[in-house]
Amino acid sequence: MKPLWPTGQKAKPPRKYQSSTYERLTNPRGSLRLLNLLSGGPSNPEIDCELVMCDFDEKTGLAEQKKYEVLSWCWGTAKPVAYINIRKGSKIYAKYVPPDLVYALHSLRNPRKNRFLWIDAICIDQENLLEKNYQVEMMAGIYGRAERVCIWLGVGESIKTALTFIKNEVLQFQDFDDLCKSEGASTKWSAIYDLMQHPSFSRRWVVQEIVLARKAILFCGDDQISWNKFAMAVELFVEVGNATYRLSKVMKDDPRCHCVPGWFEHVSALGASVLIDATGKPFRDYNTDAAMIEDSGSDSESNGLSDSDSESDGSDSDPELYSDGESNGESNGESNPGSGSGDEVTMRARRLTSADEVS
C-alpha cells in the first residue's frame, strides 16, 4: 500500500503541534474546535488543515451556523507516525496521528472546497484532562448537531468488495434468489460476513454515535454507503441465512470461504448485527412501520405533511458531500422480527427498499 503521508527525502517536518500549541477553549463547557480540512487533490500527499474555535450550544448547535461532520473511527493501537499540517496564523505545525487517520482525511478531502470536521483525536487536547472531560460530556450534542457522521472503515479490498456487492447486487434484488445460491457470489457474501466483524462496530461509543446521528455514512477509501443501506443488507443477510441456510451452504461449499466458523451459527452475534439490534432495525420493523403509516395517512394529510416533508433529507445540503446520506430516523419499536421463508424475507426487503428509496 502506497503511503499517503510525506515520506522519503523531503524537507524536515514542521515543528510539532503539541498540547501547548492548542488555543485554549473560551468556554470548556460551551465551545469546541473544528478541523477545517482545506481542499486539495490526489496529487497533493500532504493534508493541510486549520483548527477553528466555535461557540457551541447542545440545543442550538454552533453559534456561527457552520455545517460540520463528525468522523467516527477506530483508534486502534497504531502509533502516531504520520502527520498532518495544521496552520496557525503564519506558522505551520505537524500534528502526528495514526496513519489510518491520514487515509481517512485523504478520502474525505474535497478537491474544490474546504470541509469542517470534528475529530476527537485532533479537536480535543488529549493531554488536557479537564478539557477532555468537558468535551466528552458534550459529545451527545456534538454528534446530534452534526450534518452527518462519517464512519471510517479503513482501506482494504475485502471491505470494498462487500460495499460494492451490497450496493450493486444485494439491494437491487435482481435475481436475488439466484444470487443467494450462486457459487460465483460466495466470496462476496463472505466479504459481508468479514465486514460484520469489523472492530468499528464493537467500539464502546459506536451505539451512541449511530443513534444520535442525523445521517451516517460508511467509508472505505473512495467507496461509501449509507448506514441505512448497510443495516438493511446485514439484516437481510442474517434473515435469509437463518431462514433458508442457502447462504451458509454456498459459502461452505467454496473452499475460499474457509474463514466462516460454524456456518451462520453465530452470525447474529457479530459486531454489526449486534449494533443494528441496538440502534434500530429498518428491515425487521418494516411491517409495523407500514401499518402505522397506513393508519396515520389521513392524519398526515390533515397536518399538511407530505411524505417528502416528513422524511426530508436536507435538500439544501451540498450534493457533493451528502450524495449518499439518508436520515437515520428508523423506528426503534420492539416489533417481533417474525419468521418466514427466504422468499418472504426477500419480498419484505423489496417492499422496504422501495418505500425508503434506497435502491
Foldseek 3Di string as FASTA:
>chain_A
DDALFDDDPDDDAFAADALVNDDDAPDLQFKWWKWWFFAADSVRSATEIEIDMFGADLVPGTPVPDAAEEEQEDQPDADQPGWHWYDDPPGIHTYGGGSQVSLVSNLQHHNPGIHIYDYLVPTFNPVPVVSNVSVVVCVLSVLLRHLFYEYEQEADPLLVLQLCCLQPPCLVPDPNVVCLQDLVCLSNLLSLLVSLQRCSLVDPCVLSNLQSGQWYWYDHRNDIATPLSNLLSLVLSLQQCVQPVSNLVSNVVDPVSPVDPPSSPCSCVGSNNVSCLSRAHLLLCVVVVVVVCVVCVVVCVVVVHDPCRVQPSPPVDDCVNCVRIGGSPHDNDDDDSDHDHSVVSSVSSNVSCVVRVND
